[in-house]
Amino acid sequence: MNGNVMFEVKDLCKSFGELQVLKGLNETFYKGDVAAVIGPSGSGKSTFIRCLNLLEQPTSGSIFFEGTDITAKGFDVNKHRQKVGMVFQNPDNQIVASVVEEDVAFGPENLGVPPAEIRQRVDTALHMVGMYDLREHSPHLLSGGQKQRVAIAGIIAMMPRCIVLDEATAMLDPRGREQVMQTIHHLNKNM
């Protein structure tokens, strides 16, 4: 396997009862790629993305992350999720604290990161997404684009190897979409 391969998907299938959502999907994603999965509503995009983070277990097939079969029996799902951060379509489903900087600190705290390092990670992540000046605000009072950038900062603070976004701009107005896309491109160049 090429050393620049992040994900390699082989013959991936996913069914929910009788409904087969993914059938024989094959794809390779390389380090540094910004890739988009495009298709109509109900075509399996979110299911596929959720399989990459193991929020959904494939029915059959394999997914390799940096050469390791993450679909193998006994694989440590929690360690994988530390390496592959996931940002959901609705940031309200991801925000857990009443203050922006506390929300961004939540993930690193759960990983057991020392407090001084958490402070540094939170500040760095908030600067990266352009939300540092709002660090003491309530995330629930922010715009949709700002909330999504807080959700992205929370993932950045966990220092994953890659970030997977599931329709992270779908619920945003044009300005919010632009802010989030600028953040994604900035992260891709600077992480």
N, C-alpha and C. Protein backbone atom coordinates (compact mmCIF):
# COMPACT_ATOMS: atom_id res chain seq x y z
N MET A 1 0.85 -1.19 0.00
CA MET A 1 0.00 0.00 0.00
C MET A 1 0.89 1.24 0.00
N ASN A 2 0.54 2.23 -0.79
CA ASN A 2 1.26 3.49 -0.91
C ASN A 2 1.30 4.20 0.44
N GLY A 3 2.46 4.71 0.85
CA GLY A 3 2.62 5.39 2.12
C GLY A 3 1.85 6.68 2.22
N ASN A 4 1.35 7.20 1.09
CA ASN A 4 0.56 8.43 1.11
C ASN A 4 -0.94 8.16 1.17
N VAL A 5 -1.32 6.88 1.26
CA VAL A 5 -2.74 6.52 1.31
C VAL A 5 -3.25 6.71 2.74
N MET A 6 -4.33 7.50 2.86
CA MET A 6 -4.98 7.69 4.16
C MET A 6 -6.04 6.60 4.35
N PHE A 7 -6.99 6.54 3.41
CA PHE A 7 -8.04 5.52 3.45
C PHE A 7 -8.02 4.73 2.15
N GLU A 8 -8.21 3.41 2.28
CA GLU A 8 -8.45 2.58 1.12
C GLU A 8 -9.69 1.73 1.43
N VAL A 9 -10.70 1.88 0.59
CA VAL A 9 -11.99 1.20 0.78
C VAL A 9 -12.09 0.11 -0.28
N LYS A 10 -12.37 -1.11 0.17
CA LYS A 10 -12.42 -2.26 -0.75
C LYS A 10 -13.75 -3.00 -0.63
N ASP A 11 -14.49 -3.01 -1.74
CA ASP A 11 -15.75 -3.76 -1.84
C ASP A 11 -16.70 -3.52 -0.66
N LEU A 12 -16.81 -2.28 -0.24
CA LEU A 12 -17.61 -1.91 0.93
C LEU A 12 -19.10 -2.05 0.65
N CYS A 13 -19.79 -2.75 1.53
CA CYS A 13 -21.25 -2.91 1.46
C CYS A 13 -21.83 -2.58 2.82
N LYS A 14 -23.00 -1.96 2.80
CA LYS A 14 -23.70 -1.67 4.04
C LYS A 14 -25.19 -1.80 3.78
N SER A 15 -25.82 -2.62 4.60
CA SER A 15 -27.27 -2.82 4.51
C SER A 15 -27.90 -2.51 5.85
N PHE A 16 -29.12 -2.03 5.78
CA PHE A 16 -29.96 -1.85 6.95
C PHE A 16 -31.16 -2.76 6.73
N GLY A 17 -31.12 -3.94 7.31
CA GLY A 17 -32.16 -4.93 7.05
C GLY A 17 -32.11 -5.34 5.58
N GLU A 18 -33.22 -5.19 4.89
CA GLU A 18 -33.30 -5.54 3.47
C GLU A 18 -32.77 -4.44 2.56
N LEU A 19 -32.61 -3.25 3.09
CA LEU A 19 -32.18 -2.10 2.28
C LEU A 19 -30.66 -2.06 2.16
N GLN A 20 -30.14 -2.27 0.95
CA GLN A 20 -28.70 -2.18 0.71
C GLN A 20 -28.38 -0.75 0.30
N VAL A 21 -27.60 -0.06 1.14
CA VAL A 21 -27.29 1.35 0.92
C VAL A 21 -25.98 1.50 0.15
N LEU A 22 -24.99 0.70 0.48
CA LEU A 22 -23.71 0.71 -0.22
C LEU A 22 -23.45 -0.67 -0.79
N LYS A 23 -22.98 -0.70 -2.04
CA LYS A 23 -22.75 -2.00 -2.69
C LYS A 23 -21.43 -1.97 -3.45
N GLY A 24 -20.44 -2.70 -2.94
CA GLY A 24 -19.18 -2.87 -3.65
C GLY A 24 -18.41 -1.59 -3.88
N LEU A 25 -18.42 -0.69 -2.92
CA LEU A 25 -17.75 0.61 -3.06
C LEU A 25 -16.24 0.45 -2.91
N ASN A 26 -15.50 1.02 -3.85
CA ASN A 26 -14.04 1.01 -3.82
C ASN A 26 -13.56 2.44 -4.00
N GLU A 27 -12.67 2.89 -3.13
CA GLU A 27 -12.15 4.25 -3.23
C GLU A 27 -10.85 4.35 -2.45
N THR A 28 -10.00 5.27 -2.88
CA THR A 28 -8.75 5.54 -2.18
C THR A 28 -8.64 7.04 -1.95
N PHE A 29 -8.30 7.42 -0.73
CA PHE A 29 -8.10 8.82 -0.37
C PHE A 29 -6.65 8.97 0.10
N TYR A 30 -5.99 9.99 -0.38
CA TYR A 30 -4.58 10.21 -0.07
C TYR A 30 -4.41 11.34 0.94
N LYS A 31 -3.30 11.30 1.67
CA LYS A 31 -2.97 12.37 2.62
C LYS A 31 -2.93 13.69 1.86
N GLY A 32 -3.55 14.69 2.45
CA GLY A 32 -3.59 16.01 1.83
C GLY A 32 -4.76 16.23 0.90
N ASP A 33 -5.51 15.17 0.60
CA ASP A 33 -6.69 15.32 -0.27
C ASP A 33 -7.79 16.10 0.43
N VAL A 34 -8.52 16.87 -0.35
CA VAL A 34 -9.82 17.37 0.04
C VAL A 34 -10.77 16.72 -0.95
N ALA A 35 -11.56 15.79 -0.48
CA ALA A 35 -12.43 15.02 -1.35
C ALA A 35 -13.88 15.27 -0.97
N ALA A 36 -14.75 15.21 -1.96
CA ALA A 36 -16.18 15.37 -1.73
C ALA A 36 -16.91 14.13 -2.24
N VAL A 37 -17.87 13.68 -1.46
CA VAL A 37 -18.74 12.58 -1.87
C VAL A 37 -20.06 13.23 -2.27
N ILE A 38 -20.41 13.08 -3.54
CA ILE A 38 -21.57 13.78 -4.08
C ILE A 38 -22.62 12.78 -4.55
N GLY A 39 -23.88 13.09 -4.29
CA GLY A 39 -24.98 12.26 -4.75
C GLY A 39 -26.29 12.78 -4.22
N PRO A 40 -27.39 12.27 -4.72
CA PRO A 40 -28.70 12.73 -4.26
C PRO A 40 -28.98 12.28 -2.83
N SER A 41 -29.96 12.93 -2.24
CA SER A 41 -30.39 12.57 -0.89
C SER A 41 -30.78 11.10 -0.87
N GLY A 42 -30.30 10.39 0.15
CA GLY A 42 -30.62 8.98 0.30
C GLY A 42 -29.72 8.04 -0.48
N SER A 43 -28.64 8.57 -1.08
CA SER A 43 -27.77 7.73 -1.90
C SER A 43 -26.68 7.02 -1.10
N GLY A 44 -26.58 7.30 0.20
CA GLY A 44 -25.60 6.61 1.04
C GLY A 44 -24.37 7.41 1.40
N LYS A 45 -24.36 8.71 1.09
CA LYS A 45 -23.19 9.54 1.40
C LYS A 45 -22.87 9.54 2.89
N SER A 46 -23.85 9.83 3.70
CA SER A 46 -23.62 9.88 5.15
C SER A 46 -23.28 8.51 5.71
N THR A 47 -23.91 7.48 5.19
CA THR A 47 -23.59 6.12 5.63
C THR A 47 -22.13 5.81 5.34
N PHE A 48 -21.68 6.15 4.14
CA PHE A 48 -20.27 5.93 3.77
C PHE A 48 -19.34 6.69 4.71
N ILE A 49 -19.62 7.97 4.93
CA ILE A 49 -18.79 8.81 5.81
C ILE A 49 -18.76 8.22 7.22
N ARG A 50 -19.90 7.77 7.70
CA ARG A 50 -19.98 7.19 9.04
C ARG A 50 -19.20 5.89 9.14
N CYS A 51 -19.09 5.16 8.03
CA CYS A 51 -18.27 3.94 8.02
C CYS A 51 -16.79 4.29 8.17
N LEU A 52 -16.35 5.40 7.60
CA LEU A 52 -14.95 5.80 7.70
C LEU A 52 -14.54 6.06 9.15
N ASN A 53 -15.49 6.51 9.96
CA ASN A 53 -15.23 6.79 11.36
C ASN A 53 -15.69 5.65 12.26
N LEU A 54 -16.25 4.61 11.65
CA LEU A 54 -16.79 3.43 12.34
C LEU A 54 -17.98 3.74 13.24
N LEU A 55 -18.69 4.81 12.90
CA LEU A 55 -19.97 5.05 13.56
C LEU A 55 -21.01 4.08 13.01
N GLU A 56 -20.75 3.59 11.81
CA GLU A 56 -21.52 2.50 11.20
C GLU A 56 -20.52 1.40 10.87
N GLN A 57 -20.87 0.17 11.17
CA GLN A 57 -20.04 -0.97 10.81
C GLN A 57 -20.48 -1.47 9.44
N PRO A 58 -19.55 -1.65 8.50
CA PRO A 58 -19.92 -2.18 7.20
C PRO A 58 -20.51 -3.59 7.33
N THR A 59 -21.40 -3.93 6.41
CA THR A 59 -21.95 -5.28 6.35
C THR A 59 -20.89 -6.24 5.82
N SER A 60 -20.12 -5.78 4.82
CA SER A 60 -19.00 -6.55 4.29
C SER A 60 -18.03 -5.60 3.61
N GLY A 61 -16.89 -6.13 3.22
CA GLY A 61 -15.83 -5.32 2.63
C GLY A 61 -14.85 -4.86 3.70
N SER A 62 -13.88 -4.08 3.30
CA SER A 62 -12.83 -3.64 4.22
C SER A 62 -12.55 -2.16 4.05
N ILE A 63 -12.13 -1.54 5.14
CA ILE A 63 -11.65 -0.17 5.12
C ILE A 63 -10.28 -0.19 5.79
N PHE A 64 -9.29 0.31 5.09
CA PHE A 64 -7.94 0.44 5.64
C PHE A 64 -7.66 1.90 5.91
N PHE A 65 -7.14 2.19 7.10
CA PHE A 65 -6.71 3.54 7.45
C PHE A 65 -5.21 3.48 7.69
N GLU A 66 -4.46 4.19 6.87
CA GLU A 66 -3.00 4.18 6.92
C GLU A 66 -2.45 2.75 6.98
N GLY A 67 -3.05 1.87 6.18
CA GLY A 67 -2.57 0.50 6.04
C GLY A 67 -3.14 -0.51 7.01
N THR A 68 -3.92 -0.07 8.01
CA THR A 68 -4.49 -0.98 9.00
C THR A 68 -5.96 -1.22 8.68
N ASP A 69 -6.37 -2.48 8.69
CA ASP A 69 -7.76 -2.84 8.43
C ASP A 69 -8.59 -2.50 9.66
N ILE A 70 -9.34 -1.39 9.57
CA ILE A 70 -10.14 -0.94 10.70
C ILE A 70 -11.44 -1.72 10.84
N THR A 71 -11.75 -2.56 9.84
CA THR A 71 -12.96 -3.38 9.90
C THR A 71 -12.67 -4.78 10.43
N ALA A 72 -11.41 -5.05 10.77
CA ALA A 72 -11.02 -6.37 11.29
C ALA A 72 -11.63 -6.59 12.67
N LYS A 73 -11.96 -7.83 12.94
CA LYS A 73 -12.51 -8.20 14.25
C LYS A 73 -11.51 -7.84 15.35
N GLY A 74 -12.00 -7.23 16.42
CA GLY A 74 -11.15 -6.88 17.55
C GLY A 74 -10.44 -5.55 17.41
N PHE A 75 -10.66 -4.84 16.29
CA PHE A 75 -10.00 -3.54 16.11
C PHE A 75 -10.50 -2.54 17.15
N ASP A 76 -9.60 -1.70 17.67
CA ASP A 76 -9.93 -0.72 18.71
C ASP A 76 -10.58 0.52 18.07
N VAL A 77 -11.89 0.55 18.08
CA VAL A 77 -12.66 1.62 17.46
C VAL A 77 -12.36 2.97 18.11
N ASN A 78 -12.22 3.01 19.43
CA ASN A 78 -11.98 4.28 20.11
C ASN A 78 -10.65 4.91 19.71
N LYS A 79 -9.63 4.11 19.56
CA LYS A 79 -8.34 4.65 19.12
C LYS A 79 -8.45 5.20 17.70
N HIS A 80 -9.22 4.52 16.86
CA HIS A 80 -9.41 5.00 15.49
C HIS A 80 -10.11 6.36 15.49
N ARG A 81 -11.12 6.52 16.31
CA ARG A 81 -11.87 7.78 16.36
C ARG A 81 -11.02 8.93 16.88
N GLN A 82 -9.95 8.62 17.60
CA GLN A 82 -9.01 9.67 18.00
C GLN A 82 -8.18 10.14 16.81
N LYS A 83 -8.01 9.27 15.83
CA LYS A 83 -7.22 9.60 14.65
C LYS A 83 -8.06 10.21 13.53
N VAL A 84 -9.34 9.89 13.50
CA VAL A 84 -10.24 10.36 12.45
C VAL A 84 -11.36 11.15 13.10
N GLY A 85 -11.23 12.48 13.07
CA GLY A 85 -12.24 13.35 13.66
C GLY A 85 -13.45 13.49 12.74
N MET A 86 -14.61 13.61 13.33
CA MET A 86 -15.86 13.68 12.55
C MET A 86 -16.62 14.95 12.92
N VAL A 87 -17.01 15.71 11.89
CA VAL A 87 -17.84 16.90 12.07
C VAL A 87 -19.17 16.60 11.41
N PHE A 88 -20.25 16.76 12.16
CA PHE A 88 -21.58 16.42 11.68
C PHE A 88 -22.27 17.59 10.99
N GLN A 89 -23.35 17.27 10.29
CA GLN A 89 -24.11 18.27 9.54
C GLN A 89 -24.65 19.36 10.46
N ASN A 90 -25.19 18.97 11.59
CA ASN A 90 -25.80 19.93 12.50
C ASN A 90 -24.86 20.14 13.69
N PRO A 91 -24.24 21.33 13.79
CA PRO A 91 -23.30 21.57 14.89
C PRO A 91 -23.96 21.49 16.27
N ASP A 92 -25.26 21.72 16.34
CA ASP A 92 -25.94 21.62 17.63
C ASP A 92 -25.89 20.20 18.19
N ASN A 93 -25.70 19.20 17.32
CA ASN A 93 -25.56 17.82 17.78
C ASN A 93 -24.17 17.53 18.32
N GLN A 94 -23.25 18.45 18.14
CA GLN A 94 -21.86 18.23 18.53
C GLN A 94 -21.43 19.14 19.68
N ILE A 95 -22.11 20.25 19.86
CA ILE A 95 -21.75 21.21 20.90
C ILE A 95 -22.32 20.75 22.23
N VAL A 96 -21.44 20.66 23.26
CA VAL A 96 -21.87 20.09 24.54
C VAL A 96 -21.71 21.05 25.72
N ALA A 97 -21.02 22.18 25.54
CA ALA A 97 -20.76 23.07 26.67
C ALA A 97 -21.45 24.41 26.46
N SER A 98 -21.51 25.20 27.52
CA SER A 98 -22.20 26.49 27.46
C SER A 98 -21.27 27.65 27.14
N VAL A 99 -19.97 27.37 27.00
CA VAL A 99 -18.98 28.39 26.64
C VAL A 99 -18.11 27.80 25.53
N VAL A 100 -17.83 28.60 24.51
CA VAL A 100 -17.09 28.12 23.34
C VAL A 100 -15.80 27.40 23.72
N GLU A 101 -14.94 28.04 24.54
CA GLU A 101 -13.65 27.43 24.85
C GLU A 101 -13.81 26.14 25.66
N GLU A 102 -14.84 26.05 26.47
CA GLU A 102 -15.09 24.81 27.22
C GLU A 102 -15.53 23.69 26.27
N ASP A 103 -16.30 24.06 25.24
CA ASP A 103 -16.73 23.07 24.27
C ASP A 103 -15.53 22.52 23.50
N VAL A 104 -14.63 23.39 23.09
CA VAL A 104 -13.45 22.96 22.34
C VAL A 104 -12.54 22.11 23.23
N ALA A 105 -12.53 22.37 24.52
CA ALA A 105 -11.69 21.61 25.46
C ALA A 105 -12.27 20.24 25.80
N PHE A 106 -13.53 20.02 25.52
CA PHE A 106 -14.21 18.78 25.93
C PHE A 106 -13.50 17.52 25.41
N GLY A 107 -13.19 17.47 24.14
CA GLY A 107 -12.55 16.29 23.55
C GLY A 107 -11.18 16.00 24.15
N PRO A 108 -10.28 16.99 24.18
CA PRO A 108 -8.97 16.74 24.78
C PRO A 108 -9.05 16.33 26.25
N GLU A 109 -10.01 16.91 27.00
CA GLU A 109 -10.18 16.51 28.40
C GLU A 109 -10.52 15.03 28.48
N ASN A 110 -11.41 14.56 27.61
CA ASN A 110 -11.81 13.15 27.62
C ASN A 110 -10.69 12.23 27.16
N LEU A 111 -9.72 12.78 26.44
CA LEU A 111 -8.56 11.99 26.02
C LEU A 111 -7.48 11.96 27.10
N GLY A 112 -7.68 12.72 28.19
CA GLY A 112 -6.71 12.73 29.28
C GLY A 112 -5.52 13.64 29.03
N VAL A 113 -5.69 14.63 28.16
CA VAL A 113 -4.61 15.57 27.87
C VAL A 113 -4.41 16.46 29.10
N PRO A 114 -3.15 16.74 29.49
CA PRO A 114 -2.89 17.61 30.64
C PRO A 114 -3.49 19.01 30.44
N PRO A 115 -3.97 19.63 31.53
CA PRO A 115 -4.63 20.94 31.43
C PRO A 115 -3.85 22.02 30.69
N ALA A 116 -2.56 22.13 30.92
CA ALA A 116 -1.77 23.17 30.23
C ALA A 116 -1.76 22.94 28.72
N GLU A 117 -1.69 21.68 28.32
CA GLU A 117 -1.71 21.37 26.89
C GLU A 117 -3.10 21.60 26.30
N ILE A 118 -4.14 21.31 27.09
CA ILE A 118 -5.50 21.57 26.63
C ILE A 118 -5.66 23.05 26.32
N ARG A 119 -5.18 23.91 27.23
CA ARG A 119 -5.29 25.36 27.03
C ARG A 119 -4.63 25.77 25.71
N GLN A 120 -3.45 25.21 25.46
CA GLN A 120 -2.72 25.53 24.24
C GLN A 120 -3.49 25.02 23.00
N ARG A 121 -4.00 23.80 23.07
CA ARG A 121 -4.74 23.23 21.95
C ARG A 121 -6.01 24.03 21.65
N VAL A 122 -6.72 24.41 22.71
CA VAL A 122 -7.96 25.18 22.53
C VAL A 122 -7.66 26.51 21.85
N ASP A 123 -6.67 27.23 22.36
CA ASP A 123 -6.31 28.52 21.77
C ASP A 123 -5.88 28.37 20.32
N THR A 124 -5.06 27.39 20.03
CA THR A 124 -4.59 27.16 18.66
C THR A 124 -5.75 26.83 17.74
N ALA A 125 -6.63 25.92 18.19
CA ALA A 125 -7.77 25.51 17.36
C ALA A 125 -8.71 26.68 17.09
N LEU A 126 -8.98 27.48 18.11
CA LEU A 126 -9.87 28.63 17.92
C LEU A 126 -9.26 29.67 16.99
N HIS A 127 -7.95 29.87 17.08
CA HIS A 127 -7.28 30.77 16.13
C HIS A 127 -7.39 30.22 14.71
N MET A 128 -7.20 28.93 14.55
CA MET A 128 -7.23 28.31 13.22
C MET A 128 -8.57 28.48 12.52
N VAL A 129 -9.65 28.48 13.28
CA VAL A 129 -10.97 28.60 12.67
C VAL A 129 -11.54 30.02 12.77
N GLY A 130 -10.73 30.95 13.27
CA GLY A 130 -11.17 32.34 13.36
C GLY A 130 -12.22 32.60 14.41
N MET A 131 -12.21 31.84 15.50
CA MET A 131 -13.22 31.99 16.55
C MET A 131 -12.62 32.36 17.91
N TYR A 132 -11.35 32.69 17.94
CA TYR A 132 -10.69 32.98 19.22
C TYR A 132 -11.35 34.14 19.96
N ASP A 133 -11.74 35.18 19.24
CA ASP A 133 -12.33 36.36 19.88
C ASP A 133 -13.69 36.06 20.52
N LEU A 134 -14.31 34.95 20.14
CA LEU A 134 -15.61 34.57 20.70
C LEU A 134 -15.49 33.41 21.68
N ARG A 135 -14.29 33.17 22.18
CA ARG A 135 -14.03 32.01 23.04
C ARG A 135 -14.82 32.00 24.33
N GLU A 136 -15.24 33.17 24.83
CA GLU A 136 -15.99 33.22 26.09
C GLU A 136 -17.49 33.36 25.88
N HIS A 137 -17.94 33.26 24.63
CA HIS A 137 -19.35 33.37 24.31
C HIS A 137 -20.06 32.02 24.44
N SER A 138 -21.37 32.09 24.52
CA SER A 138 -22.18 30.87 24.49
C SER A 138 -22.28 30.40 23.04
N PRO A 139 -21.94 29.15 22.76
CA PRO A 139 -22.03 28.68 21.38
C PRO A 139 -23.46 28.68 20.84
N HIS A 140 -24.43 28.59 21.72
CA HIS A 140 -25.82 28.52 21.29
C HIS A 140 -26.34 29.87 20.79
N LEU A 141 -25.58 30.95 21.03
CA LEU A 141 -25.97 32.27 20.55
C LEU A 141 -25.25 32.65 19.27
N LEU A 142 -24.42 31.76 18.74
CA LEU A 142 -23.65 32.04 17.53
C LEU A 142 -24.47 31.70 16.29
N SER A 143 -24.01 32.22 15.15
CA SER A 143 -24.64 31.88 13.87
C SER A 143 -24.32 30.43 13.53
N GLY A 144 -25.01 29.88 12.54
CA GLY A 144 -24.76 28.50 12.12
C GLY A 144 -23.33 28.28 11.68
N GLY A 145 -22.79 29.20 10.90
CA GLY A 145 -21.40 29.08 10.44
C GLY A 145 -20.41 29.15 11.58
N GLN A 146 -20.67 30.02 12.55
CA GLN A 146 -19.80 30.13 13.71
C GLN A 146 -19.87 28.85 14.55
N LYS A 147 -21.07 28.32 14.74
CA LYS A 147 -21.21 27.07 15.49
C LYS A 147 -20.44 25.94 14.80
N GLN A 148 -20.53 25.88 13.47
CA GLN A 148 -19.85 24.81 12.76
C GLN A 148 -18.34 24.98 12.90
N ARG A 149 -17.85 26.21 12.91
CA ARG A 149 -16.41 26.42 13.11
C ARG A 149 -15.99 26.04 14.53
N VAL A 150 -16.87 26.24 15.51
CA VAL A 150 -16.58 25.78 16.88
C VAL A 150 -16.51 24.25 16.90
N ALA A 151 -17.43 23.60 16.21
CA ALA A 151 -17.41 22.13 16.14
C ALA A 151 -16.12 21.65 15.49
N ILE A 152 -15.69 22.32 14.43
CA ILE A 152 -14.43 21.96 13.78
C ILE A 152 -13.26 22.20 14.73
N ALA A 153 -13.28 23.30 15.47
CA ALA A 153 -12.21 23.58 16.44
C ALA A 153 -12.14 22.49 17.49
N GLY A 154 -13.29 21.99 17.92
CA GLY A 154 -13.31 20.91 18.90
C GLY A 154 -12.61 19.66 18.39
N ILE A 155 -12.78 19.38 17.10
CA ILE A 155 -12.09 18.24 16.50
C ILE A 155 -10.60 18.52 16.35
N ILE A 156 -10.25 19.72 15.90
CA ILE A 156 -8.84 20.09 15.75
C ILE A 156 -8.10 19.94 17.07
N ALA A 157 -8.74 20.36 18.16
CA ALA A 157 -8.10 20.31 19.48
C ALA A 157 -7.78 18.87 19.90
N MET A 158 -8.44 17.91 19.30
CA MET A 158 -8.16 16.51 19.61
C MET A 158 -6.97 15.98 18.79
N MET A 159 -6.51 16.78 17.83
CA MET A 159 -5.35 16.49 17.00
C MET A 159 -5.47 15.16 16.24
N PRO A 160 -6.56 15.01 15.46
CA PRO A 160 -6.69 13.79 14.67
C PRO A 160 -5.75 13.80 13.47
N ARG A 161 -5.58 12.67 12.83
CA ARG A 161 -4.77 12.57 11.61
C ARG A 161 -5.54 13.12 10.42
N CYS A 162 -6.87 13.01 10.44
CA CYS A 162 -7.69 13.58 9.38
C CYS A 162 -9.06 13.95 9.95
N ILE A 163 -9.75 14.79 9.20
CA ILE A 163 -11.09 15.22 9.61
C ILE A 163 -12.06 14.85 8.50
N VAL A 164 -13.16 14.21 8.88
CA VAL A 164 -14.22 13.83 7.96
C VAL A 164 -15.42 14.70 8.30
N LEU A 165 -15.97 15.35 7.29
CA LEU A 165 -17.12 16.23 7.50
C LEU A 165 -18.33 15.65 6.79
N ASP A 166 -19.44 15.53 7.51
CA ASP A 166 -20.67 15.00 6.94
C ASP A 166 -21.63 16.15 6.66
N GLU A 167 -21.61 16.63 5.43
CA GLU A 167 -22.46 17.74 4.99
C GLU A 167 -22.38 18.91 5.95
N ALA A 168 -21.17 19.29 6.29
CA ALA A 168 -20.94 20.33 7.30
C ALA A 168 -21.42 21.71 6.87
N THR A 169 -21.76 21.91 5.60
CA THR A 169 -22.25 23.22 5.16
C THR A 169 -23.73 23.18 4.77
N ALA A 170 -24.37 22.04 4.90
CA ALA A 170 -25.73 21.86 4.38
C ALA A 170 -26.76 22.78 5.05
N MET A 171 -26.61 23.06 6.32
CA MET A 171 -27.62 23.84 7.04
C MET A 171 -27.26 25.32 7.13
N LEU A 172 -26.28 25.75 6.37
CA LEU A 172 -25.77 27.11 6.51
C LEU A 172 -26.23 28.03 5.38
N ASP A 173 -26.29 29.33 5.69
CA ASP A 173 -26.55 30.31 4.65
C ASP A 173 -25.27 30.50 3.83
N PRO A 174 -25.33 31.22 2.71
CA PRO A 174 -24.13 31.36 1.87
C PRO A 174 -22.91 31.89 2.61
N ARG A 175 -23.07 32.85 3.51
CA ARG A 175 -21.93 33.39 4.26
C ARG A 175 -21.34 32.32 5.17
N GLY A 176 -22.20 31.58 5.86
CA GLY A 176 -21.73 30.51 6.74
C GLY A 176 -21.00 29.42 5.96
N ARG A 177 -21.54 29.07 4.77
CA ARG A 177 -20.87 28.08 3.92
C ARG A 177 -19.47 28.55 3.54
N GLU A 178 -19.38 29.81 3.15
CA GLU A 178 -18.08 30.36 2.74
C GLU A 178 -17.09 30.34 3.91
N GLN A 179 -17.55 30.69 5.11
CA GLN A 179 -16.67 30.68 6.28
C GLN A 179 -16.15 29.27 6.55
N VAL A 180 -17.03 28.29 6.50
CA VAL A 180 -16.63 26.91 6.79
C VAL A 180 -15.69 26.40 5.70
N MET A 181 -15.99 26.68 4.44
CA MET A 181 -15.12 26.21 3.34
C MET A 181 -13.74 26.86 3.43
N GLN A 182 -13.68 28.14 3.78
CA GLN A 182 -12.38 28.80 3.97
C GLN A 182 -11.61 28.12 5.09
N THR A 183 -12.31 27.78 6.16
CA THR A 183 -11.68 27.09 7.29
C THR A 183 -11.13 25.74 6.85
N ILE A 184 -11.91 24.99 6.08
CA ILE A 184 -11.48 23.66 5.62
C ILE A 184 -10.22 23.79 4.75
N HIS A 185 -10.22 24.72 3.82
CA HIS A 185 -9.06 24.90 2.95
C HIS A 185 -7.84 25.38 3.73
N HIS A 186 -8.06 26.25 4.71
CA HIS A 186 -6.96 26.70 5.57
C HIS A 186 -6.37 25.53 6.34
N LEU A 187 -7.22 24.69 6.90
CA LEU A 187 -6.75 23.53 7.66
C LEU A 187 -5.96 22.58 6.77
N ASN A 188 -6.44 22.36 5.57
CA ASN A 188 -5.77 21.44 4.66
C ASN A 188 -4.36 21.92 4.33
N LYS A 189 -4.19 23.21 4.22
CA LYS A 189 -2.86 23.76 3.90
C LYS A 189 -1.94 23.83 5.12
N ASN A 190 -2.52 23.96 6.31
CA ASN A 190 -1.71 24.28 7.49
C ASN A 190 -1.65 23.22 8.56
N MET A 191 -2.28 22.09 8.38
CA MET A 191 -2.23 21.04 9.42
C MET A 191 -1.21 19.99 9.05
